[in-house]
Amino acid sequence: MTTSHQAIRAAVDVKAHAPCPMCGQQSWVGGDRLTEIGNPPIDTIPFVCTHCGYLRLHAVQALETLDD
């Protein structure tokens, strides 16, 4: 993972930390690789709830401007 990806993952861990909408737990893993979705493609970082498997995707562009 590059430094920018590490910074984005840290931003998700700190600023976007929230309970899982399916089970209410706060145990997320992931964020180690970029995934493109959509047309035109949007770079996202996936996170998975370790309790129930719920998957959330965070748009990289929005996370890069989180402190702006």
PDB file of N, CA and C in Angstrom:
ATOM      1  N   MET A   1       0.853  -1.172   0.000  1.00  0.00           N
ATOM      2  CA  MET A   1       0.000   0.000   0.000  1.00  0.00           C
ATOM      3  C   MET A   1       0.896   1.231   0.000  1.00  0.00           C
ATOM      4  N   THR A   2       0.589   2.196  -0.856  1.00  0.00           N
ATOM      5  CA  THR A   2       1.402   3.401  -0.913  1.00  0.00           C
ATOM      6  C   THR A   2       1.062   4.306   0.256  1.00  0.00           C
ATOM      7  N   THR A   3       1.909   5.307   0.473  1.00  0.00           N
ATOM      8  CA  THR A   3       1.692   6.230   1.589  1.00  0.00           C
ATOM      9  C   THR A   3       0.355   6.928   1.485  1.00  0.00           C
ATOM     10  N   SER A   4      -0.049   7.353   0.272  1.00  0.00           N
ATOM     11  CA  SER A   4      -1.336   8.033   0.130  1.00  0.00           C
ATOM     12  C   SER A   4      -2.486   7.105   0.485  1.00  0.00           C
ATOM     13  N   HIS A   5      -2.373   5.829   0.125  1.00  0.00           N
ATOM     14  CA  HIS A   5      -3.415   4.869   0.489  1.00  0.00           C
ATOM     15  C   HIS A   5      -3.450   4.663   2.001  1.00  0.00           C
ATOM     16  N   GLN A   6      -2.286   4.671   2.636  1.00  0.00           N
ATOM     17  CA  GLN A   6      -2.240   4.536   4.091  1.00  0.00           C
ATOM     18  C   GLN A   6      -2.911   5.735   4.746  1.00  0.00           C
ATOM     19  N   ALA A   7      -2.678   6.928   4.216  1.00  0.00           N
ATOM     20  CA  ALA A   7      -3.301   8.128   4.770  1.00  0.00           C
ATOM     21  C   ALA A   7      -4.804   8.088   4.583  1.00  0.00           C
ATOM     22  N   ILE A   8      -5.262   7.625   3.438  1.00  0.00           N
ATOM     23  CA  ILE A   8      -6.704   7.529   3.185  1.00  0.00           C
ATOM     24  C   ILE A   8      -7.323   6.502   4.118  1.00  0.00           C
ATOM     25  N   ARG A   9      -6.671   5.361   4.277  1.00  0.00           N
ATOM     26  CA  ARG A   9      -7.203   4.343   5.189  1.00  0.00           C
ATOM     27  C   ARG A   9      -7.269   4.890   6.622  1.00  0.00           C
ATOM     28  N   ALA A  10      -6.245   5.621   7.038  1.00  0.00           N
ATOM     29  CA  ALA A  10      -6.251   6.219   8.371  1.00  0.00           C
ATOM     30  C   ALA A  10      -7.405   7.197   8.513  1.00  0.00           C
ATOM     31  N   ALA A  11      -7.697   7.963   7.463  1.00  0.00           N
ATOM     32  CA  ALA A  11      -8.823   8.903   7.501  1.00  0.00           C
ATOM     33  C   ALA A  11     -10.135   8.155   7.682  1.00  0.00           C
ATOM     34  N   VAL A  12     -10.283   7.033   7.011  1.00  0.00           N
ATOM     35  CA  VAL A  12     -11.501   6.230   7.174  1.00  0.00           C
ATOM     36  C   VAL A  12     -11.585   5.701   8.596  1.00  0.00           C
ATOM     37  N   ASP A  13     -10.471   5.186   9.109  1.00  0.00           N
ATOM     38  CA  ASP A  13     -10.466   4.627  10.456  1.00  0.00           C
ATOM     39  C   ASP A  13     -10.826   5.673  11.511  1.00  0.00           C
ATOM     40  N   VAL A  14     -10.380   6.913  11.321  1.00  0.00           N
ATOM     41  CA  VAL A  14     -10.600   7.961  12.317  1.00  0.00           C
ATOM     42  C   VAL A  14     -11.881   8.735  12.077  1.00  0.00           C
ATOM     43  N   LYS A  15     -12.079   9.214  10.856  1.00  0.00           N
ATOM     44  CA  LYS A  15     -13.170  10.139  10.568  1.00  0.00           C
ATOM     45  C   LYS A  15     -14.462   9.459  10.149  1.00  0.00           C
ATOM     46  N   ALA A  16     -14.387   8.315   9.498  1.00  0.00           N
ATOM     47  CA  ALA A  16     -15.585   7.671   8.992  1.00  0.00           C
ATOM     48  C   ALA A  16     -15.917   6.406   9.769  1.00  0.00           C
ATOM     49  N   HIS A  17     -15.343   6.267  10.948  1.00  0.00           N
ATOM     50  CA  HIS A  17     -15.590   5.096  11.772  1.00  0.00           C
ATOM     51  C   HIS A  17     -17.042   5.122  12.252  1.00  0.00           C
ATOM     52  N   ALA A  18     -17.752   4.073  11.974  1.00  0.00           N
ATOM     53  CA  ALA A  18     -19.171   4.015  12.339  1.00  0.00           C
ATOM     54  C   ALA A  18     -19.562   2.560  12.561  1.00  0.00           C
ATOM     55  N   PRO A  19     -20.628   2.347  13.312  1.00  0.00           N
ATOM     56  CA  PRO A  19     -21.106   0.974  13.478  1.00  0.00           C
ATOM     57  C   PRO A  19     -21.583   0.402  12.140  1.00  0.00           C
ATOM     58  N   CYS A  20     -21.484  -0.883  11.994  1.00  0.00           N
ATOM     59  CA  CYS A  20     -21.987  -1.556  10.809  1.00  0.00           C
ATOM     60  C   CYS A  20     -23.504  -1.356  10.739  1.00  0.00           C
ATOM     61  N   PRO A  21     -24.038  -0.961   9.590  1.00  0.00           N
ATOM     62  CA  PRO A  21     -25.481  -0.751   9.490  1.00  0.00           C
ATOM     63  C   PRO A  21     -26.289  -2.043   9.560  1.00  0.00           C
ATOM     64  N   MET A  22     -25.630  -3.186   9.400  1.00  0.00           N
ATOM     65  CA  MET A  22     -26.348  -4.467   9.456  1.00  0.00           C
ATOM     66  C   MET A  22     -26.366  -5.074  10.857  1.00  0.00           C
ATOM     67  N   CYS A  23     -25.214  -5.028  11.564  1.00  0.00           N
ATOM     68  CA  CYS A  23     -25.151  -5.728  12.849  1.00  0.00           C
ATOM     69  C   CYS A  23     -24.798  -4.818  14.026  1.00  0.00           C
ATOM     70  N   GLY A  24     -24.374  -3.580  13.764  1.00  0.00           N
ATOM     71  CA  GLY A  24     -24.072  -2.642  14.832  1.00  0.00           C
ATOM     72  C   GLY A  24     -22.668  -2.740  15.411  1.00  0.00           C
ATOM     73  N   GLN A  25     -21.889  -3.730  14.979  1.00  0.00           N
ATOM     74  CA  GLN A  25     -20.512  -3.861  15.482  1.00  0.00           C
ATOM     75  C   GLN A  25     -19.623  -2.796  14.847  1.00  0.00           C
ATOM     76  N   GLN A  26     -18.451  -2.561  15.437  1.00  0.00           N
ATOM     77  CA  GLN A  26     -17.507  -1.583  14.905  1.00  0.00           C
ATOM     78  C   GLN A  26     -16.157  -2.230  14.625  1.00  0.00           C
ATOM     79  N   SER A  27     -16.173  -3.359  13.968  1.00  0.00           N
ATOM     80  CA  SER A  27     -14.926  -4.075  13.686  1.00  0.00           C
ATOM     81  C   SER A  27     -14.758  -4.217  12.179  1.00  0.00           C
ATOM     82  N   TRP A  28     -14.039  -3.279  11.589  1.00  0.00           N
ATOM     83  CA  TRP A  28     -13.822  -3.233  10.145  1.00  0.00           C
ATOM     84  C   TRP A  28     -12.400  -3.642   9.801  1.00  0.00           C
ATOM     85  N   VAL A  29     -12.222  -4.372   8.694  1.00  0.00           N
ATOM     86  CA  VAL A  29     -10.906  -4.695   8.147  1.00  0.00           C
ATOM     87  C   VAL A  29     -10.912  -4.377   6.665  1.00  0.00           C
ATOM     88  N   GLY A  30      -9.726  -4.224   6.120  1.00  0.00           N
ATOM     89  CA  GLY A  30      -9.615  -3.981   4.682  1.00  0.00           C
ATOM     90  C   GLY A  30      -8.920  -2.687   4.393  1.00  0.00           C
ATOM     91  N   GLY A  31      -9.255  -2.121   3.251  1.00  0.00           N
ATOM     92  CA  GLY A  31      -8.646  -0.876   2.850  1.00  0.00           C
ATOM     93  C   GLY A  31      -7.242  -1.034   2.322  1.00  0.00           C
ATOM     94  N   ASP A  32      -6.866  -2.244   1.919  1.00  0.00           N
ATOM     95  CA  ASP A  32      -5.499  -2.475   1.465  1.00  0.00           C
ATOM     96  C   ASP A  32      -5.321  -2.351  -0.044  1.00  0.00           C
ATOM     97  N   ARG A  33      -6.432  -2.247  -0.802  1.00  0.00           N
ATOM     98  CA  ARG A  33      -6.271  -2.085  -2.242  1.00  0.00           C
ATOM     99  C   ARG A  33      -7.407  -1.264  -2.823  1.00  0.00           C
ATOM    100  N   LEU A  34      -7.097  -0.623  -3.915  1.00  0.00           N
ATOM    101  CA  LEU A  34      -8.090   0.179  -4.608  1.00  0.00           C
ATOM    102  C   LEU A  34      -8.916  -0.715  -5.512  1.00  0.00           C
ATOM    103  N   THR A  35     -10.189  -0.409  -5.623  1.00  0.00           N
ATOM    104  CA  THR A  35     -11.096  -1.118  -6.495  1.00  0.00           C
ATOM    105  C   THR A  35     -11.811  -0.080  -7.345  1.00  0.00           C
ATOM    106  N   GLU A  36     -11.910  -0.325  -8.630  1.00  0.00           N
ATOM    107  CA  GLU A  36     -12.640   0.592  -9.495  1.00  0.00           C
ATOM    108  C   GLU A  36     -14.049   0.063  -9.694  1.00  0.00           C
ATOM    109  N   ILE A  37     -15.040   0.972  -9.574  1.00  0.00           N
ATOM    110  CA  ILE A  37     -16.426   0.611  -9.852  1.00  0.00           C
ATOM    111  C   ILE A  37     -17.022   1.697 -10.733  1.00  0.00           C
ATOM    112  N   GLY A  38     -18.059   1.349 -11.458  1.00  0.00           N
ATOM    113  CA  GLY A  38     -18.818   2.328 -12.217  1.00  0.00           C
ATOM    114  C   GLY A  38     -18.252   2.661 -13.576  1.00  0.00           C
ATOM    115  N   ASN A  39     -19.031   3.480 -14.299  1.00  0.00           N
ATOM    116  CA  ASN A  39     -18.639   3.963 -15.608  1.00  0.00           C
ATOM    117  C   ASN A  39     -19.081   5.412 -15.714  1.00  0.00           C
ATOM    118  N   PRO A  40     -18.215   6.383 -15.614  1.00  0.00           N
ATOM    119  CA  PRO A  40     -16.764   6.255 -15.569  1.00  0.00           C
ATOM    120  C   PRO A  40     -16.299   5.673 -14.240  1.00  0.00           C
ATOM    121  N   PRO A  41     -15.121   5.059 -14.240  1.00  0.00           N
ATOM    122  CA  PRO A  41     -14.648   4.388 -13.020  1.00  0.00           C
ATOM    123  C   PRO A  41     -14.363   5.351 -11.870  1.00  0.00           C
ATOM    124  N   ILE A  42     -14.696   4.901 -10.679  1.00  0.00           N
ATOM    125  CA  ILE A  42     -14.437   5.629  -9.446  1.00  0.00           C
ATOM    126  C   ILE A  42     -13.528   4.744  -8.598  1.00  0.00           C
ATOM    127  N   ASP A  43     -12.396   5.290  -8.146  1.00  0.00           N
ATOM    128  CA  ASP A  43     -11.509   4.541  -7.253  1.00  0.00           C
ATOM    129  C   ASP A  43     -12.145   4.464  -5.874  1.00  0.00           C
ATOM    130  N   THR A  44     -12.223   3.258  -5.334  1.00  0.00           N
ATOM    131  CA  THR A  44     -12.801   3.049  -4.003  1.00  0.00           C
ATOM    132  C   THR A  44     -11.873   2.186  -3.166  1.00  0.00           C
ATOM    133  N   ILE A  45     -12.055   2.277  -1.852  1.00  0.00           N
ATOM    134  CA  ILE A  45     -11.347   1.415  -0.906  1.00  0.00           C
ATOM    135  C   ILE A  45     -12.407   0.599  -0.161  1.00  0.00           C
ATOM    136  N   PRO A  46     -12.306  -0.741  -0.217  1.00  0.00           N
ATOM    137  CA  PRO A  46     -13.296  -1.588   0.453  1.00  0.00           C
ATOM    138  C   PRO A  46     -12.962  -1.838   1.924  1.00  0.00           C
ATOM    139  N   PHE A  47     -13.993  -1.898   2.747  1.00  0.00           N
ATOM    140  CA  PHE A  47     -13.890  -2.301   4.147  1.00  0.00           C
ATOM    141  C   PHE A  47     -14.978  -3.331   4.422  1.00  0.00           C
ATOM    142  N   VAL A  48     -14.663  -4.361   5.211  1.00  0.00           N
ATOM    143  CA  VAL A  48     -15.588  -5.447   5.499  1.00  0.00           C
ATOM    144  C   VAL A  48     -15.775  -5.570   7.004  1.00  0.00           C
ATOM    145  N   CYS A  49     -17.025  -5.711   7.443  1.00  0.00           N
ATOM    146  CA  CYS A  49     -17.330  -5.952   8.856  1.00  0.00           C
ATOM    147  C   CYS A  49     -16.892  -7.377   9.200  1.00  0.00           C
ATOM    148  N   THR A  50     -16.060  -7.509  10.220  1.00  0.00           N
ATOM    149  CA  THR A  50     -15.581  -8.842  10.598  1.00  0.00           C
ATOM    150  C   THR A  50     -16.637  -9.654  11.339  1.00  0.00           C
ATOM    151  N   HIS A  51     -17.718  -9.022  11.717  1.00  0.00           N
ATOM    152  CA  HIS A  51     -18.778  -9.730  12.441  1.00  0.00           C
ATOM    153  C   HIS A  51     -19.791 -10.359  11.489  1.00  0.00           C
ATOM    154  N   CYS A  52     -20.271  -9.580  10.480  1.00  0.00           N
ATOM    155  CA  CYS A  52     -21.333 -10.096   9.617  1.00  0.00           C
ATOM    156  C   CYS A  52     -20.959 -10.141   8.139  1.00  0.00           C
ATOM    157  N   GLY A  53     -19.822  -9.534   7.757  1.00  0.00           N
ATOM    158  CA  GLY A  53     -19.391  -9.565   6.371  1.00  0.00           C
ATOM    159  C   GLY A  53     -19.917  -8.438   5.500  1.00  0.00           C
ATOM    160  N   TYR A  54     -20.625  -7.484   6.095  1.00  0.00           N
ATOM    161  CA  TYR A  54     -21.124  -6.342   5.327  1.00  0.00           C
ATOM    162  C   TYR A  54     -19.955  -5.620   4.671  1.00  0.00           C
ATOM    163  N   LEU A  55     -20.112  -5.237   3.408  1.00  0.00           N
ATOM    164  CA  LEU A  55     -19.050  -4.557   2.659  1.00  0.00           C
ATOM    165  C   LEU A  55     -19.430  -3.109   2.445  1.00  0.00           C
ATOM    166  N   ARG A  56     -18.494  -2.199   2.740  1.00  0.00           N
ATOM    167  CA  ARG A  56     -18.700  -0.782   2.430  1.00  0.00           C
ATOM    168  C   ARG A  56     -17.546  -0.318   1.562  1.00  0.00           C
ATOM    169  N   LEU A  57     -17.841   0.595   0.653  1.00  0.00           N
ATOM    170  CA  LEU A  57     -16.840   1.156  -0.239  1.00  0.00           C
ATOM    171  C   LEU A  57     -16.769   2.652  -0.005  1.00  0.00           C
ATOM    172  N   HIS A  58     -15.560   3.180   0.085  1.00  0.00           N
ATOM    173  CA  HIS A  58     -15.353   4.615   0.252  1.00  0.00           C
ATOM    174  C   HIS A  58     -14.676   5.151  -1.003  1.00  0.00           C
ATOM    175  N   ALA A  59     -15.233   6.224  -1.569  1.00  0.00           N
ATOM    176  CA  ALA A  59     -14.642   6.855  -2.749  1.00  0.00           C
ATOM    177  C   ALA A  59     -13.349   7.555  -2.348  1.00  0.00           C
ATOM    178  N   VAL A  60     -12.275   7.250  -3.034  1.00  0.00           N
ATOM    179  CA  VAL A  60     -10.965   7.805  -2.712  1.00  0.00           C
ATOM    180  C   VAL A  60     -10.957   9.322  -2.854  1.00  0.00           C
ATOM    181  N   GLN A  61     -11.526   9.849  -3.926  1.00  0.00           N
ATOM    182  CA  GLN A  61     -11.492  11.294  -4.154  1.00  0.00           C
ATOM    183  C   GLN A  61     -12.125  12.055  -2.991  1.00  0.00           C
ATOM    184  N   ALA A  62     -13.238  11.577  -2.491  1.00  0.00           N
ATOM    185  CA  ALA A  62     -13.891  12.247  -1.354  1.00  0.00           C
ATOM    186  C   ALA A  62     -13.038  12.158  -0.105  1.00  0.00           C
ATOM    187  N   LEU A  63     -12.360  11.040   0.118  1.00  0.00           N
ATOM    188  CA  LEU A  63     -11.527  10.862   1.294  1.00  0.00           C
ATOM    189  C   LEU A  63     -10.279  11.733   1.239  1.00  0.00           C
ATOM    190  N   GLU A  64      -9.764  11.963   0.035  1.00  0.00           N
ATOM    191  CA  GLU A  64      -8.567  12.792  -0.107  1.00  0.00           C
ATOM    192  C   GLU A  64      -8.830  14.247   0.288  1.00  0.00           C
ATOM    193  N   THR A  65     -10.072  14.678   0.243  1.00  0.00           N
ATOM    194  CA  THR A  65     -10.422  16.056   0.576  1.00  0.00           C
ATOM    195  C   THR A  65     -11.152  16.151   1.913  1.00  0.00           C
ATOM    196  N   LEU A  66     -11.093  15.111   2.736  1.00  0.00           N
ATOM    197  CA  LEU A  66     -11.830  15.064   3.992  1.00  0.00           C
ATOM    198  C   LEU A  66     -11.476  16.195   4.940  1.00  0.00           C
ATOM    199  N   ASP A  67     -10.216  16.619   4.971  1.00  0.00           N
ATOM    200  CA  ASP A  67      -9.787  17.676   5.894  1.00  0.00           C
ATOM    201  C   ASP A  67      -9.924  19.071   5.312  1.00  0.00           C
ATOM    202  N   ASP A  68     -10.321  19.186   4.048  1.00  0.00           N
ATOM    203  CA  ASP A  68     -10.433  20.504   3.401  1.00  0.00           C
ATOM    204  C   ASP A  68     -11.598  21.314   3.961  1.00  0.00           C
TER     205      ASP A  68
END
